């Protein structure tokens, strides 16, 4: 295994990780938003 192959593989892994991380972050934000809408009548 060459160093360039390792570097390219790591870059692919990092891009995939960033995409999954931002997707997970978006899902958490969506969940919090829906939860805030659902409990809003009970707060006010």
N, C-alpha and C. Protein backbone atom coordinates (compact mmCIF):
# COMPACT_ATOMS: atom_id res chain seq x y z
N UNK A 1 0.84 -1.19 0.00
CA UNK A 1 0.00 0.00 0.00
C UNK A 1 0.88 1.25 0.00
N UNK A 2 0.60 2.12 -0.94
CA UNK A 2 1.41 3.32 -1.06
C UNK A 2 0.82 4.44 -0.21
N UNK A 3 1.64 5.45 0.07
CA UNK A 3 1.22 6.58 0.88
C UNK A 3 0.08 7.35 0.20
N UNK A 4 0.14 7.49 -1.14
CA UNK A 4 -0.91 8.22 -1.87
C UNK A 4 -2.24 7.49 -1.76
N UNK A 5 -2.20 6.16 -1.84
CA UNK A 5 -3.44 5.38 -1.69
C UNK A 5 -4.04 5.60 -0.31
N UNK A 6 -3.19 5.61 0.70
CA UNK A 6 -3.67 5.81 2.06
C UNK A 6 -4.29 7.20 2.21
N UNK A 7 -3.63 8.21 1.62
CA UNK A 7 -4.12 9.58 1.71
C UNK A 7 -5.47 9.72 1.01
N UNK A 8 -5.61 9.13 -0.16
CA UNK A 8 -6.87 9.20 -0.90
C UNK A 8 -7.98 8.47 -0.15
N UNK A 9 -7.67 7.32 0.42
CA UNK A 9 -8.66 6.58 1.19
C UNK A 9 -9.10 7.35 2.42
N UNK A 10 -8.16 8.00 3.07
CA UNK A 10 -8.50 8.79 4.26
C UNK A 10 -9.37 9.98 3.88
N UNK A 11 -9.07 10.61 2.73
CA UNK A 11 -9.88 11.75 2.29
C UNK A 11 -11.30 11.31 1.97
N UNK A 12 -11.46 10.16 1.31
CA UNK A 12 -12.80 9.64 1.04
C UNK A 12 -13.55 9.36 2.34
N UNK A 13 -12.86 8.76 3.28
CA UNK A 13 -13.47 8.46 4.58
C UNK A 13 -13.89 9.76 5.28
N UNK A 14 -13.04 10.79 5.23
CA UNK A 14 -13.33 12.04 5.91
C UNK A 14 -14.52 12.74 5.28
N UNK A 15 -14.62 12.72 3.93
CA UNK A 15 -15.76 13.33 3.25
C UNK A 15 -17.05 12.62 3.63
N UNK A 16 -17.02 11.31 3.67
CA UNK A 16 -18.20 10.53 4.05
C UNK A 16 -18.57 10.82 5.51
N UNK A 17 -17.58 10.91 6.38
CA UNK A 17 -17.83 11.19 7.79
C UNK A 17 -18.47 12.57 7.97
N UNK A 18 -17.97 13.57 7.23
CA UNK A 18 -18.55 14.91 7.35
C UNK A 18 -20.00 14.91 6.88
N UNK A 19 -20.28 14.19 5.78
CA UNK A 19 -21.64 14.14 5.26
C UNK A 19 -22.57 13.48 6.28
N UNK A 20 -22.15 12.39 6.87
CA UNK A 20 -22.97 11.69 7.86
C UNK A 20 -23.15 12.56 9.10
N UNK A 21 -22.08 13.23 9.50
CA UNK A 21 -22.14 14.07 10.70
C UNK A 21 -23.13 15.21 10.51
N UNK A 22 -23.08 15.88 9.35
CA UNK A 22 -24.01 16.98 9.10
C UNK A 22 -25.42 16.47 8.94
N UNK A 23 -25.59 15.27 8.37
CA UNK A 23 -26.92 14.68 8.25
C UNK A 23 -27.51 14.37 9.62
N UNK A 24 -26.68 13.84 10.50
CA UNK A 24 -27.12 13.54 11.86
C UNK A 24 -27.47 14.82 12.60
N UNK A 25 -26.67 15.85 12.42
CA UNK A 25 -26.92 17.14 13.04
C UNK A 25 -28.25 17.73 12.55
N UNK A 26 -28.53 17.58 11.26
CA UNK A 26 -29.79 18.05 10.70
C UNK A 26 -30.98 17.29 11.27
N UNK A 27 -30.84 15.99 11.44
CA UNK A 27 -31.92 15.20 12.03
C UNK A 27 -32.20 15.62 13.47
N UNK A 28 -31.15 15.88 14.23
CA UNK A 28 -31.32 16.31 15.61
C UNK A 28 -32.01 17.67 15.66
N UNK A 29 -31.60 18.59 14.77
CA UNK A 29 -32.25 19.90 14.73
C UNK A 29 -33.73 19.77 14.36
N UNK A 30 -34.03 18.91 13.39
CA UNK A 30 -35.42 18.69 12.98
C UNK A 30 -36.23 18.14 14.15
N UNK A 31 -35.67 17.19 14.87
CA UNK A 31 -36.36 16.60 16.02
C UNK A 31 -36.64 17.66 17.09
N UNK A 32 -35.65 18.51 17.37
CA UNK A 32 -35.83 19.57 18.38
C UNK A 32 -36.90 20.55 17.92
N UNK A 33 -36.90 20.88 16.63
CA UNK A 33 -37.88 21.82 16.08
C UNK A 33 -39.29 21.26 16.21
N UNK A 34 -39.47 20.00 15.84
CA UNK A 34 -40.79 19.37 15.94
C UNK A 34 -41.22 19.28 17.41
N UNK A 35 -40.29 18.94 18.27
CA UNK A 35 -40.60 18.85 19.70
C UNK A 35 -41.02 20.22 20.24
N UNK A 36 -40.35 21.28 19.82
CA UNK A 36 -40.71 22.62 20.27
C UNK A 36 -42.11 22.99 19.80
N UNK A 37 -42.46 22.62 18.58
CA UNK A 37 -43.81 22.91 18.07
C UNK A 37 -44.85 22.13 18.86
N UNK A 38 -44.55 20.88 19.18
CA UNK A 38 -45.52 20.05 19.89
C UNK A 38 -45.76 20.52 21.33
N UNK A 39 -44.71 20.97 22.01
CA UNK A 39 -44.89 21.36 23.42
C UNK A 39 -45.17 22.84 23.58
N UNK A 40 -45.19 23.59 22.48
CA UNK A 40 -45.44 25.03 22.56
C UNK A 40 -46.78 25.38 23.20
N UNK A 41 -47.89 24.73 22.88
CA UNK A 41 -49.17 25.08 23.52
C UNK A 41 -49.16 24.88 25.04
N UNK A 42 -48.36 23.93 25.52
CA UNK A 42 -48.32 23.66 26.96
C UNK A 42 -47.45 24.67 27.70
N UNK A 43 -46.53 25.31 26.99
CA UNK A 43 -45.65 26.28 27.63
C UNK A 43 -46.39 27.62 27.79
N UNK A 44 -46.97 28.10 26.70
CA UNK A 44 -47.61 29.41 26.71
C UNK A 44 -48.96 29.28 27.22
